[in-house]
């Protein structure tokens, strides 16, 4: 999964939580042991969603090199 977006009218309805949990169920079905993703440090709304689904914040930092 590259991006997860919920339209503005659907925000606050629990849809984002349901989508993440559905992805987790599908990943488990295929034998995955974990899911990982990234969000901007200032995207507090998304971070609240991730906390609601019991995701744990990683201590790792992500880097990229533009080519």
PDB file of N, CA and C in Angstrom:
ATOM      1  N   UNK A   1       0.862  -1.167   0.000  1.00  0.00           N
ATOM      2  CA  UNK A   1       0.000   0.000   0.000  1.00  0.00           C
ATOM      3  C   UNK A   1       0.902   1.222   0.000  1.00  0.00           C
ATOM      4  N   UNK A   2       0.618   2.132  -0.874  1.00  0.00           N
ATOM      5  CA  UNK A   2       1.414   3.346  -0.957  1.00  0.00           C
ATOM      6  C   UNK A   2       0.740   4.505  -0.236  1.00  0.00           C
ATOM      7  N   UNK A   3      -0.540   4.671  -0.411  1.00  0.00           N
ATOM      8  CA  UNK A   3      -1.263   5.777   0.220  1.00  0.00           C
ATOM      9  C   UNK A   3      -2.622   5.304   0.702  1.00  0.00           C
ATOM     10  N   UNK A   4      -3.081   5.933   1.763  1.00  0.00           N
ATOM     11  CA  UNK A   4      -4.427   5.680   2.274  1.00  0.00           C
ATOM     12  C   UNK A   4      -5.077   7.037   2.497  1.00  0.00           C
ATOM     13  N   UNK A   5      -6.144   7.280   1.798  1.00  0.00           N
ATOM     14  CA  UNK A   5      -6.860   8.541   1.936  1.00  0.00           C
ATOM     15  C   UNK A   5      -8.322   8.258   2.223  1.00  0.00           C
ATOM     16  N   UNK A   6      -8.908   9.085   3.057  1.00  0.00           N
ATOM     17  CA  UNK A   6     -10.344   9.038   3.306  1.00  0.00           C
ATOM     18  C   UNK A   6     -10.871  10.423   2.949  1.00  0.00           C
ATOM     19  N   UNK A   7     -11.914  10.477   2.148  1.00  0.00           N
ATOM     20  CA  UNK A   7     -12.451  11.770   1.729  1.00  0.00           C
ATOM     21  C   UNK A   7     -12.919  12.571   2.937  1.00  0.00           C
ATOM     22  N   UNK A   8     -12.885  13.864   2.798  1.00  0.00           N
ATOM     23  CA  UNK A   8     -13.256  14.758   3.903  1.00  0.00           C
ATOM     24  C   UNK A   8     -14.614  14.418   4.512  1.00  0.00           C
ATOM     25  N   UNK A   9     -15.665  14.176   3.702  1.00  0.00           N
ATOM     26  CA  UNK A   9     -16.967  13.856   4.309  1.00  0.00           C
ATOM     27  C   UNK A   9     -16.970  12.555   5.118  1.00  0.00           C
ATOM     28  N   UNK A  10     -16.050  11.638   4.806  1.00  0.00           N
ATOM     29  CA  UNK A  10     -16.011  10.348   5.507  1.00  0.00           C
ATOM     30  C   UNK A  10     -15.124  10.377   6.747  1.00  0.00           C
ATOM     31  N   UNK A  11     -14.383  11.456   6.931  1.00  0.00           N
ATOM     32  CA  UNK A  11     -13.485  11.537   8.086  1.00  0.00           C
ATOM     33  C   UNK A  11     -14.299  11.634   9.370  1.00  0.00           C
ATOM     34  N   UNK A  12     -13.805  10.950  10.380  1.00  0.00           N
ATOM     35  CA  UNK A  12     -14.500  10.941  11.664  1.00  0.00           C
ATOM     36  C   UNK A  12     -15.582   9.878  11.759  1.00  0.00           C
ATOM     37  N   UNK A  13     -15.714   9.050  10.727  1.00  0.00           N
ATOM     38  CA  UNK A  13     -16.755   8.010  10.722  1.00  0.00           C
ATOM     39  C   UNK A  13     -16.212   6.640  11.109  1.00  0.00           C
ATOM     40  N   UNK A  14     -14.890   6.534  11.274  1.00  0.00           N
ATOM     41  CA  UNK A  14     -14.284   5.237  11.566  1.00  0.00           C
ATOM     42  C   UNK A  14     -13.836   4.497  10.317  1.00  0.00           C
ATOM     43  N   UNK A  15     -14.034   5.094   9.157  1.00  0.00           N
ATOM     44  CA  UNK A  15     -13.669   4.428   7.906  1.00  0.00           C
ATOM     45  C   UNK A  15     -12.163   4.188   7.808  1.00  0.00           C
ATOM     46  N   UNK A  16     -11.355   5.155   8.191  1.00  0.00           N
ATOM     47  CA  UNK A  16      -9.898   4.979   8.121  1.00  0.00           C
ATOM     48  C   UNK A  16      -9.460   3.811   8.998  1.00  0.00           C
ATOM     49  N   UNK A  17     -10.007   3.735  10.209  1.00  0.00           N
ATOM     50  CA  UNK A  17      -9.689   2.621  11.107  1.00  0.00           C
ATOM     51  C   UNK A  17     -10.058   1.298  10.439  1.00  0.00           C
ATOM     52  N   UNK A  18     -11.249   1.250   9.862  1.00  0.00           N
ATOM     53  CA  UNK A  18     -11.730   0.021   9.227  1.00  0.00           C
ATOM     54  C   UNK A  18     -10.845  -0.372   8.046  1.00  0.00           C
ATOM     55  N   UNK A  19     -10.396   0.599   7.265  1.00  0.00           N
ATOM     56  CA  UNK A  19      -9.527   0.302   6.122  1.00  0.00           C
ATOM     57  C   UNK A  19      -8.185  -0.268   6.579  1.00  0.00           C
ATOM     58  N   UNK A  20      -7.607   0.331   7.610  1.00  0.00           N
ATOM     59  CA  UNK A  20      -6.327  -0.165   8.113  1.00  0.00           C
ATOM     60  C   UNK A  20      -6.488  -1.573   8.672  1.00  0.00           C
ATOM     61  N   UNK A  21      -7.534  -1.790   9.436  1.00  0.00           N
ATOM     62  CA  UNK A  21      -7.756  -3.118  10.014  1.00  0.00           C
ATOM     63  C   UNK A  21      -8.045  -4.158   8.933  1.00  0.00           C
ATOM     64  N   UNK A  22      -8.723  -3.757   7.853  1.00  0.00           N
ATOM     65  CA  UNK A  22      -8.961  -4.676   6.736  1.00  0.00           C
ATOM     66  C   UNK A  22      -7.640  -5.023   6.046  1.00  0.00           C
ATOM     67  N   UNK A  23      -6.760  -4.041   5.899  1.00  0.00           N
ATOM     68  CA  UNK A  23      -5.433  -4.314   5.330  1.00  0.00           C
ATOM     69  C   UNK A  23      -4.668  -5.280   6.223  1.00  0.00           C
ATOM     70  N   UNK A  24      -4.762  -5.086   7.533  1.00  0.00           N
ATOM     71  CA  UNK A  24      -4.083  -5.979   8.477  1.00  0.00           C
ATOM     72  C   UNK A  24      -4.623  -7.399   8.359  1.00  0.00           C
ATOM     73  N   UNK A  25      -5.928  -7.533   8.260  1.00  0.00           N
ATOM     74  CA  UNK A  25      -6.534  -8.863   8.107  1.00  0.00           C
ATOM     75  C   UNK A  25      -6.049  -9.543   6.831  1.00  0.00           C
ATOM     76  N   UNK A  26      -6.003  -8.790   5.748  1.00  0.00           N
ATOM     77  CA  UNK A  26      -5.551  -9.349   4.471  1.00  0.00           C
ATOM     78  C   UNK A  26      -4.074  -9.741   4.550  1.00  0.00           C
ATOM     79  N   UNK A  27      -3.272  -8.911   5.183  1.00  0.00           N
ATOM     80  CA  UNK A  27      -1.851  -9.225   5.328  1.00  0.00           C
ATOM     81  C   UNK A  27      -1.659 -10.496   6.157  1.00  0.00           C
ATOM     82  N   UNK A  28      -2.405 -10.619   7.255  1.00  0.00           N
ATOM     83  CA  UNK A  28      -2.338 -11.836   8.083  1.00  0.00           C
ATOM     84  C   UNK A  28      -2.705 -13.068   7.261  1.00  0.00           C
ATOM     85  N   UNK A  29      -3.746 -12.928   6.452  1.00  0.00           N
ATOM     86  CA  UNK A  29      -4.210 -14.033   5.616  1.00  0.00           C
ATOM     87  C   UNK A  29      -3.106 -14.521   4.676  1.00  0.00           C
ATOM     88  N   UNK A  30      -2.232 -13.608   4.295  1.00  0.00           N
ATOM     89  CA  UNK A  30      -1.123 -13.949   3.397  1.00  0.00           C
ATOM     90  C   UNK A  30       0.164 -14.269   4.158  1.00  0.00           C
ATOM     91  N   UNK A  31       0.071 -14.362   5.477  1.00  0.00           N
ATOM     92  CA  UNK A  31       1.230 -14.769   6.265  1.00  0.00           C
ATOM     93  C   UNK A  31       2.148 -13.657   6.733  1.00  0.00           C
ATOM     94  N   UNK A  32       1.757 -12.416   6.544  1.00  0.00           N
ATOM     95  CA  UNK A  32       2.602 -11.302   6.999  1.00  0.00           C
ATOM     96  C   UNK A  32       2.628 -11.252   8.523  1.00  0.00           C
ATOM     97  N   UNK A  33       3.739 -10.808   9.054  1.00  0.00           N
ATOM     98  CA  UNK A  33       3.891 -10.696  10.498  1.00  0.00           C
ATOM     99  C   UNK A  33       3.706  -9.267  10.997  1.00  0.00           C
ATOM    100  N   UNK A  34       3.799  -8.304  10.086  1.00  0.00           N
ATOM    101  CA  UNK A  34       3.613  -6.910  10.489  1.00  0.00           C
ATOM    102  C   UNK A  34       3.289  -6.055   9.273  1.00  0.00           C
ATOM    103  N   UNK A  35       2.810  -4.861   9.542  1.00  0.00           N
ATOM    104  CA  UNK A  35       2.597  -3.834   8.522  1.00  0.00           C
ATOM    105  C   UNK A  35       3.387  -2.612   8.956  1.00  0.00           C
ATOM    106  N   UNK A  36       3.874  -1.872   8.016  1.00  0.00           N
ATOM    107  CA  UNK A  36       4.576  -0.638   8.335  1.00  0.00           C
ATOM    108  C   UNK A  36       4.164   0.461   7.379  1.00  0.00           C
ATOM    109  N   UNK A  37       4.223   1.687   7.842  1.00  0.00           N
ATOM    110  CA  UNK A  37       3.894   2.822   6.992  1.00  0.00           C
ATOM    111  C   UNK A  37       4.524   4.067   7.567  1.00  0.00           C
ATOM    112  N   UNK A  38       4.394   5.155   6.840  1.00  0.00           N
ATOM    113  CA  UNK A  38       4.982   6.429   7.234  1.00  0.00           C
ATOM    114  C   UNK A  38       3.925   7.511   7.172  1.00  0.00           C
ATOM    115  N   UNK A  39       4.155   8.542   7.957  1.00  0.00           N
ATOM    116  CA  UNK A  39       3.330   9.741   7.868  1.00  0.00           C
ATOM    117  C   UNK A  39       4.199  10.933   8.224  1.00  0.00           C
ATOM    118  N   UNK A  40       3.770  12.091   7.829  1.00  0.00           N
ATOM    119  CA  UNK A  40       4.516  13.305   8.166  1.00  0.00           C
ATOM    120  C   UNK A  40       4.460  13.555   9.671  1.00  0.00           C
ATOM    121  N   UNK A  41       5.530  14.106  10.205  1.00  0.00           N
ATOM    122  CA  UNK A  41       5.586  14.390  11.640  1.00  0.00           C
ATOM    123  C   UNK A  41       4.453  15.305  12.088  1.00  0.00           C
ATOM    124  N   UNK A  42       4.030  16.200  11.200  1.00  0.00           N
ATOM    125  CA  UNK A  42       2.989  17.160  11.579  1.00  0.00           C
ATOM    126  C   UNK A  42       1.571  16.682  11.246  1.00  0.00           C
ATOM    127  N   UNK A  43       1.420  15.454  10.762  1.00  0.00           N
ATOM    128  CA  UNK A  43       0.091  14.929  10.428  1.00  0.00           C
ATOM    129  C   UNK A  43      -0.522  14.282  11.674  1.00  0.00           C
ATOM    130  N   UNK A  44      -0.926  15.125  12.590  1.00  0.00           N
ATOM    131  CA  UNK A  44      -1.444  14.662  13.883  1.00  0.00           C
ATOM    132  C   UNK A  44      -2.758  13.897  13.729  1.00  0.00           C
ATOM    133  N   UNK A  45      -3.564  14.282  12.767  1.00  0.00           N
ATOM    134  CA  UNK A  45      -4.843  13.589  12.563  1.00  0.00           C
ATOM    135  C   UNK A  45      -4.611  12.128  12.184  1.00  0.00           C
ATOM    136  N   UNK A  46      -3.690  11.906  11.275  1.00  0.00           N
ATOM    137  CA  UNK A  46      -3.367  10.528  10.876  1.00  0.00           C
ATOM    138  C   UNK A  46      -2.772   9.759  12.049  1.00  0.00           C
ATOM    139  N   UNK A  47      -1.924  10.404  12.814  1.00  0.00           N
ATOM    140  CA  UNK A  47      -1.299   9.734  13.951  1.00  0.00           C
ATOM    141  C   UNK A  47      -2.341   9.277  14.969  1.00  0.00           C
ATOM    142  N   UNK A  48      -3.391  10.054  15.140  1.00  0.00           N
ATOM    143  CA  UNK A  48      -4.471   9.646  16.048  1.00  0.00           C
ATOM    144  C   UNK A  48      -5.161   8.380  15.537  1.00  0.00           C
ATOM    145  N   UNK A  49      -5.351   8.295  14.228  1.00  0.00           N
ATOM    146  CA  UNK A  49      -5.951   7.089  13.637  1.00  0.00           C
ATOM    147  C   UNK A  49      -5.060   5.890  13.928  1.00  0.00           C
ATOM    148  N   UNK A  50      -3.773   6.031  13.696  1.00  0.00           N
ATOM    149  CA  UNK A  50      -2.846   4.918  13.890  1.00  0.00           C
ATOM    150  C   UNK A  50      -2.819   4.472  15.348  1.00  0.00           C
ATOM    151  N   UNK A  51      -2.887   5.421  16.255  1.00  0.00           N
ATOM    152  CA  UNK A  51      -2.927   5.075  17.677  1.00  0.00           C
ATOM    153  C   UNK A  51      -4.220   4.342  18.027  1.00  0.00           C
ATOM    154  N   UNK A  52      -5.328   4.732  17.408  1.00  0.00           N
ATOM    155  CA  UNK A  52      -6.610   4.062  17.681  1.00  0.00           C
ATOM    156  C   UNK A  52      -6.599   2.598  17.267  1.00  0.00           C
ATOM    157  N   UNK A  53      -5.850   2.274  16.213  1.00  0.00           N
ATOM    158  CA  UNK A  53      -5.800   0.873  15.770  1.00  0.00           C
ATOM    159  C   UNK A  53      -4.635   0.127  16.425  1.00  0.00           C
ATOM    160  N   UNK A  54      -4.064   0.716  17.452  1.00  0.00           N
ATOM    161  CA  UNK A  54      -2.989   0.114  18.263  1.00  0.00           C
ATOM    162  C   UNK A  54      -1.666  -0.042  17.526  1.00  0.00           C
ATOM    163  N   UNK A  55      -1.431   0.778  16.506  1.00  0.00           N
ATOM    164  CA  UNK A  55      -0.124   0.772  15.848  1.00  0.00           C
ATOM    165  C   UNK A  55       0.889   1.422  16.788  1.00  0.00           C
ATOM    166  N   UNK A  56       2.111   0.938  16.736  1.00  0.00           N
ATOM    167  CA  UNK A  56       3.169   1.472  17.583  1.00  0.00           C
ATOM    168  C   UNK A  56       4.103   2.347  16.767  1.00  0.00           C
ATOM    169  N   UNK A  57       4.461   3.477  17.334  1.00  0.00           N
ATOM    170  CA  UNK A  57       5.385   4.393  16.667  1.00  0.00           C
ATOM    171  C   UNK A  57       6.789   3.799  16.699  1.00  0.00           C
ATOM    172  N   UNK A  58       7.435   3.779  15.566  1.00  0.00           N
ATOM    173  CA  UNK A  58       8.786   3.241  15.448  1.00  0.00           C
ATOM    174  C   UNK A  58       9.805   4.291  15.892  1.00  0.00           C
ATOM    175  N   UNK A  59      10.926   3.819  16.354  1.00  0.00           N
ATOM    176  CA  UNK A  59      12.025   4.711  16.718  1.00  0.00           C
ATOM    177  C   UNK A  59      12.947   4.987  15.530  1.00  0.00           C
ATOM    178  N   UNK A  60      12.656   4.361  14.389  1.00  0.00           N
ATOM    179  CA  UNK A  60      13.483   4.525  13.204  1.00  0.00           C
ATOM    180  C   UNK A  60      13.175   5.838  12.504  1.00  0.00           C
ATOM    181  N   UNK A  61      14.175   6.389  11.851  1.00  0.00           N
ATOM    182  CA  UNK A  61      14.011   7.568  11.011  1.00  0.00           C
ATOM    183  C   UNK A  61      14.130   7.133   9.560  1.00  0.00           C
ATOM    184  N   UNK A  62      13.337   7.719   8.701  1.00  0.00           N
ATOM    185  CA  UNK A  62      13.384   7.396   7.274  1.00  0.00           C
ATOM    186  C   UNK A  62      14.224   8.435   6.544  1.00  0.00           C
ATOM    187  N   UNK A  63      15.042   7.956   5.631  1.00  0.00           N
ATOM    188  CA  UNK A  63      15.847   8.828   4.793  1.00  0.00           C
ATOM    189  C   UNK A  63      15.604   8.465   3.341  1.00  0.00           C
ATOM    190  N   UNK A  64      15.808   9.440   2.452  1.00  0.00           N
ATOM    191  CA  UNK A  64      15.752   9.157   1.020  1.00  0.00           C
ATOM    192  C   UNK A  64      16.789  10.019   0.317  1.00  0.00           C
ATOM    193  N   UNK A  65      17.201   9.577  -0.838  1.00  0.00           N
ATOM    194  CA  UNK A  65      18.170  10.294  -1.646  1.00  0.00           C
ATOM    195  C   UNK A  65      17.553  10.509  -3.018  1.00  0.00           C
ATOM    196  N   UNK A  66      17.286  11.756  -3.340  1.00  0.00           N
ATOM    197  CA  UNK A  66      16.712  12.068  -4.651  1.00  0.00           C
ATOM    198  C   UNK A  66      17.773  11.864  -5.722  1.00  0.00           C
ATOM    199  N   UNK A  67      17.391  11.249  -6.821  1.00  0.00           N
ATOM    200  CA  UNK A  67      18.329  10.981  -7.917  1.00  0.00           C
ATOM    201  C   UNK A  67      17.964  11.758  -9.159  1.00  0.00           C
TER     202      UNK A  67
END
